[in-house]
Protein backbone atom coordinates (compact mmCIF):
# COMPACT_ATOMS: atom_id res chain seq x y z
CA MET A 1 66.42 -96.00 -171.70
CA ARG A 2 66.38 -92.35 -172.65
CA PRO A 3 62.81 -90.97 -172.45
CA VAL A 4 61.21 -90.31 -175.89
CA PRO A 5 59.90 -86.71 -176.11
CA ARG A 6 56.06 -86.86 -175.88
CA SER A 7 53.43 -84.40 -176.97
CA ALA A 8 49.95 -84.25 -175.64
CA ARG A 9 47.11 -83.81 -178.18
CA SER A 10 43.82 -82.22 -177.28
CA ARG A 11 40.99 -84.73 -176.89
CA ARG A 12 37.29 -84.73 -176.65
CA TYR A 13 35.64 -87.21 -174.28
CA LEU A 14 32.11 -88.24 -173.33
CA MET A 15 31.51 -89.07 -169.64
CA CYS A 16 28.39 -89.88 -167.55
CA PRO A 17 28.26 -88.93 -163.77
CA PRO A 18 27.56 -91.81 -161.53
CA GLU A 19 24.59 -90.33 -159.79
CA HIS A 20 22.77 -93.61 -159.89
CA PHE A 21 25.68 -95.96 -159.68
CA LYS A 22 25.22 -99.11 -157.54
CA VAL A 23 26.03 -102.79 -157.75
CA THR A 24 22.79 -104.82 -157.61
CA TYR A 25 23.84 -107.59 -159.98
CA SER A 26 27.05 -109.27 -161.10
CA ILE A 27 27.99 -109.57 -164.77
CA ASN A 28 31.79 -109.63 -164.22
CA PRO A 29 34.07 -111.02 -161.51
CA TRP A 30 34.63 -107.64 -159.87
CA MET A 31 30.96 -107.05 -159.12
CA ASP A 32 29.72 -108.10 -155.66
CA PRO A 33 26.18 -106.92 -154.77
CA GLY A 34 27.00 -107.55 -151.12
CA LYS A 35 29.51 -104.64 -151.13
CA PRO A 36 27.74 -101.35 -150.66
CA VAL A 37 28.61 -98.39 -152.93
CA ASP A 38 29.24 -94.94 -151.50
CA VAL A 39 27.55 -92.87 -154.24
CA PRO A 40 28.77 -89.40 -153.02
CA LEU A 41 32.30 -90.76 -152.96
CA ALA A 42 31.95 -92.30 -156.31
CA LEU A 43 30.60 -88.98 -157.73
CA ALA A 44 33.54 -87.13 -156.08
CA GLN A 45 36.05 -89.48 -157.63
CA TRP A 46 34.48 -89.25 -161.02
CA GLU A 47 34.39 -85.44 -160.84
CA ASP A 48 38.17 -85.45 -159.97
CA LEU A 49 38.78 -87.43 -163.21
CA ARG A 50 36.59 -85.14 -165.26
CA ASP A 51 38.24 -82.02 -163.85
CA ARG A 52 41.71 -83.45 -164.41
CA TYR A 53 40.94 -83.94 -168.04
CA ARG A 54 39.69 -80.36 -168.38
CA SER A 55 42.86 -79.08 -166.49
CA LEU A 56 44.96 -80.77 -169.17
CA GLY A 57 43.15 -78.97 -171.89
CA HIS A 58 40.75 -81.62 -172.96
CA THR A 59 36.99 -81.17 -173.66
CA VAL A 60 34.54 -83.31 -171.61
CA GLU A 61 30.97 -83.78 -172.69
CA GLU A 62 28.47 -85.16 -170.27
CA LEU A 63 25.76 -87.78 -170.91
CA THR A 64 22.61 -87.56 -168.65
CA PRO A 65 22.40 -90.59 -166.26
CA HIS A 66 19.33 -92.57 -165.78
CA ALA A 67 18.17 -94.05 -162.46
CA GLY A 68 17.44 -97.51 -163.98
CA LEU A 69 20.90 -97.77 -165.68
CA PRO A 70 23.49 -97.84 -162.91
CA ASP A 71 26.37 -98.79 -165.25
CA MET A 72 25.99 -95.73 -167.51
CA VAL A 73 28.94 -94.26 -165.75
CA PHE A 74 31.06 -96.69 -167.86
CA SER A 75 30.51 -94.50 -170.88
CA ALA A 76 33.34 -96.10 -172.89
CA ASN A 77 31.03 -99.01 -173.55
CA GLY A 78 28.32 -97.05 -175.34
CA ALA A 79 29.98 -96.56 -178.80
CA THR A 80 33.13 -96.26 -180.71
CA VAL A 81 33.81 -93.10 -182.62
CA ILE A 82 36.45 -92.71 -185.37
CA ASP A 83 36.73 -89.91 -187.89
CA GLY A 84 33.38 -88.58 -186.63
CA ARG A 85 31.67 -91.83 -187.47
CA VAL A 86 29.77 -93.57 -184.68
CA LEU A 87 29.40 -97.34 -184.39
CA GLY A 88 26.87 -97.82 -181.52
CA ALA A 89 27.03 -100.64 -178.98
CA ARG A 90 24.89 -103.74 -178.54
CA PHE A 91 25.32 -105.14 -174.97
CA ALA A 92 25.78 -108.75 -174.15
CA HIS A 93 23.73 -108.53 -170.89
CA ALA A 94 20.11 -107.40 -170.59
CA GLU A 95 20.96 -105.31 -167.55
CA ARG A 96 22.86 -102.80 -169.70
CA ALA A 97 20.92 -103.13 -173.04
CA GLU A 98 19.00 -99.92 -172.76
CA GLU A 99 22.25 -97.88 -172.44
CA ALA A 100 22.88 -98.28 -176.19
CA ALA A 101 19.84 -96.20 -177.22
CA GLU A 102 20.86 -93.39 -174.76
CA HIS A 103 24.25 -93.13 -176.38
CA LEU A 104 22.79 -93.12 -179.98
CA ALA A 105 20.31 -90.46 -178.99
CA TRP A 106 23.12 -88.28 -177.59
CA PHE A 107 25.20 -88.47 -180.69
CA ARG A 108 22.20 -87.69 -183.00
CA ALA A 109 21.32 -84.64 -180.83
CA HIS A 110 24.90 -83.35 -180.94
CA GLY A 111 25.57 -83.10 -184.64
CA PHE A 112 26.86 -86.56 -185.49
CA THR A 113 25.30 -87.58 -188.72
CA ASP A 114 26.93 -90.91 -189.51
CA VAL A 115 25.56 -93.04 -186.64
CA THR A 116 24.96 -96.75 -186.98
CA GLU A 117 23.25 -99.21 -184.70
CA PRO A 118 25.24 -102.46 -184.88
CA LEU A 119 23.90 -105.92 -185.80
CA HIS A 120 26.36 -107.80 -183.58
CA ILE A 121 27.36 -107.62 -179.89
CA ASN A 122 30.05 -105.09 -179.22
CA GLU A 123 30.51 -102.96 -176.11
CA GLY A 124 32.16 -99.98 -177.60
CA GLU A 125 35.56 -99.02 -176.53
CA GLY A 126 35.46 -101.76 -173.93
CA ASP A 127 36.61 -104.08 -176.72
CA PHE A 128 37.84 -101.76 -179.45
CA ALA A 129 41.15 -99.90 -179.04
CA VAL A 130 42.23 -97.52 -181.80
CA THR A 131 45.75 -96.76 -183.05
CA SER A 132 46.81 -95.02 -186.23
CA SER A 133 47.36 -98.42 -187.92
CA TRP A 134 44.74 -100.75 -186.52
CA ILE A 135 41.59 -101.21 -184.51
CA LEU A 136 42.43 -103.81 -181.88
CA ALA A 137 39.35 -105.91 -181.01
CA GLY A 138 38.83 -108.11 -178.02
CA ARG A 139 36.60 -111.22 -177.94
CA GLY A 140 35.91 -114.15 -175.68
CA PHE A 141 33.61 -112.78 -172.92
CA ARG A 142 31.48 -110.01 -174.35
CA ALA A 143 31.96 -108.91 -178.04
CA SER A 144 30.92 -111.23 -180.81
CA PRO A 145 33.59 -112.15 -183.29
CA LEU A 146 31.20 -111.08 -185.94
CA SER A 147 31.46 -107.53 -184.67
CA HIS A 148 35.02 -107.30 -185.78
CA GLY A 149 34.08 -107.65 -189.53
CA GLU A 150 31.23 -105.21 -188.92
CA ALA A 151 33.66 -102.65 -187.42
CA GLN A 152 36.20 -103.06 -190.26
CA GLU A 153 33.52 -102.61 -192.95
CA PHE A 154 32.07 -99.54 -191.13
CA PHE A 155 35.28 -97.71 -190.40
CA GLY A 156 37.39 -98.88 -193.28
CA ARG A 157 40.33 -99.76 -191.01
CA PRO A 158 41.98 -103.11 -190.42
CA VAL A 159 40.69 -104.83 -187.35
CA ILE A 160 42.96 -107.22 -185.38
CA GLY A 161 41.07 -109.79 -183.28
CA LEU A 162 42.52 -110.74 -179.87
CA ASP A 163 41.25 -113.51 -177.70
CA LEU A 164 40.73 -112.84 -173.96
CA VAL A 165 41.01 -115.89 -171.77
CA ASP A 166 41.01 -114.64 -168.10
CA PRO A 167 37.45 -113.72 -166.92
CA ARG A 168 38.81 -110.89 -164.71
CA TYR A 169 39.90 -109.13 -167.96
CA TYR A 170 36.58 -109.45 -169.71
CA HIS A 171 36.99 -106.36 -171.87
CA LEU A 172 40.03 -105.45 -173.94
CA ASP A 173 40.29 -102.19 -172.03
CA THR A 174 41.07 -104.14 -168.81
CA ALA A 175 44.04 -105.81 -170.49
CA LEU A 176 45.47 -103.31 -172.95
CA ALA A 177 45.81 -99.54 -173.23
CA VAL A 178 46.89 -97.33 -176.05
CA LEU A 179 49.59 -94.98 -174.84
CA ASP A 180 50.28 -93.06 -178.14
CA ASP A 181 47.85 -93.81 -180.94
CA ALA A 182 49.89 -91.93 -183.56
CA ALA A 183 52.93 -93.97 -182.73
CA ASP A 184 51.17 -97.30 -182.24
CA ASP A 185 52.50 -97.51 -178.67
CA VAL A 186 50.57 -99.69 -176.21
CA MET A 187 50.93 -101.41 -172.87
CA TYR A 188 49.27 -104.76 -172.13
CA TYR A 189 49.12 -107.68 -169.65
CA PRO A 190 50.03 -110.94 -171.53
CA GLY A 191 48.26 -113.22 -169.11
CA ALA A 192 44.90 -111.89 -170.25
CA PHE A 193 45.40 -113.23 -173.74
CA SER A 194 45.56 -116.57 -175.51
CA PRO A 195 49.00 -117.81 -176.66
CA GLY A 196 48.18 -116.96 -180.31
CA SER A 197 47.01 -113.43 -179.40
CA ARG A 198 50.13 -112.87 -177.31
CA ALA A 199 52.22 -113.78 -180.40
CA VAL A 200 50.19 -111.33 -182.49
CA LEU A 201 50.77 -108.59 -179.96
CA ARG A 202 54.43 -109.25 -179.83
CA ARG A 203 54.62 -109.00 -183.58
CA LEU A 204 52.62 -105.80 -183.88
CA PHE A 205 54.03 -104.08 -180.79
CA PRO A 206 57.58 -105.44 -180.12
CA ASP A 207 58.41 -102.45 -177.96
CA ALA A 208 55.17 -102.48 -175.92
CA LEU A 209 55.20 -101.86 -172.20
CA ILE A 210 54.52 -105.23 -170.53
CA ALA A 211 52.54 -105.06 -167.36
CA SER A 212 52.77 -107.38 -164.38
CA GLY A 213 49.88 -109.38 -162.94
CA ALA A 214 49.86 -107.12 -159.87
CA ASP A 215 49.43 -103.96 -161.97
CA ALA A 216 46.76 -105.63 -164.17
CA SER A 217 44.85 -106.76 -161.09
CA ALA A 218 44.75 -103.19 -159.98
CA LEU A 219 43.08 -102.43 -163.34
CA GLY A 220 46.20 -100.58 -164.42
CA MET A 221 45.45 -101.29 -168.10
CA ASN A 222 42.23 -99.38 -167.68
CA ALA A 223 44.02 -96.13 -168.53
CA VAL A 224 43.62 -93.08 -170.83
CA SER A 225 46.44 -91.33 -172.56
CA ASP A 226 46.60 -88.16 -174.55
CA GLY A 227 50.01 -89.04 -176.00
CA ARG A 228 51.89 -87.56 -173.00
CA HIS A 229 49.74 -87.79 -169.88
CA VAL A 230 48.59 -91.24 -168.80
CA LEU A 231 45.76 -91.21 -166.35
CA LEU A 232 45.58 -94.71 -164.66
CA PRO A 233 44.42 -96.31 -161.35
CA GLN A 234 46.76 -95.13 -158.52
CA GLY A 235 47.10 -98.69 -157.27
CA ALA A 236 49.03 -99.78 -160.40
CA VAL A 237 52.27 -98.61 -158.75
CA GLY A 238 54.57 -100.78 -160.90
CA LEU A 239 53.65 -98.86 -164.06
CA PHE A 240 54.64 -95.40 -162.95
CA GLN A 241 58.43 -95.64 -163.42
CA PRO A 242 58.28 -97.57 -166.75
CA LEU A 243 55.89 -94.99 -168.16
CA ARG A 244 58.22 -92.16 -167.08
CA GLU A 245 61.20 -94.00 -168.64
CA ARG A 246 59.24 -93.88 -171.93
CA GLY A 247 58.62 -90.15 -171.62
CA TYR A 248 55.11 -90.26 -170.39
CA GLU A 249 53.72 -88.47 -167.35
CA PRO A 250 51.66 -90.96 -165.28
CA ILE A 251 48.81 -89.48 -163.18
CA GLY A 252 47.41 -91.73 -160.51
CA MET A 253 43.60 -91.50 -160.02
CA ASP A 254 41.50 -92.93 -157.16
CA LEU A 255 38.33 -94.49 -158.62
CA GLY A 256 38.02 -97.13 -155.85
CA GLU A 257 34.20 -96.90 -155.67
CA LEU A 258 33.81 -97.48 -159.44
CA LEU A 259 36.21 -100.33 -159.27
CA LYS A 260 33.38 -102.18 -157.43
CA GLY A 261 31.56 -102.19 -160.84
CA GLY A 262 34.73 -103.52 -162.63
CA GLY A 263 35.76 -100.27 -164.12
CA SER A 264 38.20 -97.45 -163.76
CA VAL A 265 39.65 -94.50 -165.76
CA LYS A 266 39.03 -95.86 -169.31
CA CYS A 267 35.69 -97.41 -168.63
CA CYS A 268 34.52 -93.98 -167.62
CA THR A 269 35.94 -92.28 -170.74
CA GLN A 270 34.64 -92.56 -174.30
CA GLU A 271 36.86 -90.75 -176.88
CA LEU A 272 35.05 -88.73 -179.51
CA ARG A 273 37.51 -88.93 -182.44
CA SER A 274 36.52 -86.29 -185.02
């Protein structure tokens, strides 16, 4: 396969430092309160990701962390922003519920005027992935199916519902990543989806990069792409060559401490689409 020429596009991201990150409860299969978290190491790994974005020409805004909200580092879950419009989050678990208000307050304080608090459970970009043609929306473990219609009405874009069936891949962003939003190019792990949803993905994305179970279990789908550079967990070794063959530049990141909370590159990165 001859690599397709790829162009990076400048992005704006919202991140939250893991100053108070710890695992004291379990709301997904990755979380084990018995495994201690090295907070200084988690912060260093997070800073490496933040600094890498900036070195690639992207803007990174920072959300203030709160001691009682250890999962705020997973800022992708706090809202979905498209065309400058903000659909807030409504969390499925009480442990994270207060994060939603912190995100909405940040947006209102930073010049976003079209900000909506949702009626139905959605966890932001955890279960909403955006391409030029569609909003892909996961369901099955966290987001309510009713949130899909709410997002379609708010953003005025077609929403495609996808059923997640493996509890390890409890959010869409653990099972699918957008590689080039303008070209509707994605990669995904089929085993995370129901048979019907796999058929939908094959129809919508016949040329998608298909990930192996090994790369998915390294949270390789929890990746962020600017259209050229793909930042992804360094343990997803089987994805690097296929990405290069498609013209992308994979960049492996070590977020091993944050993996203890069930998140990696994408979980830590909310995109502010203006």
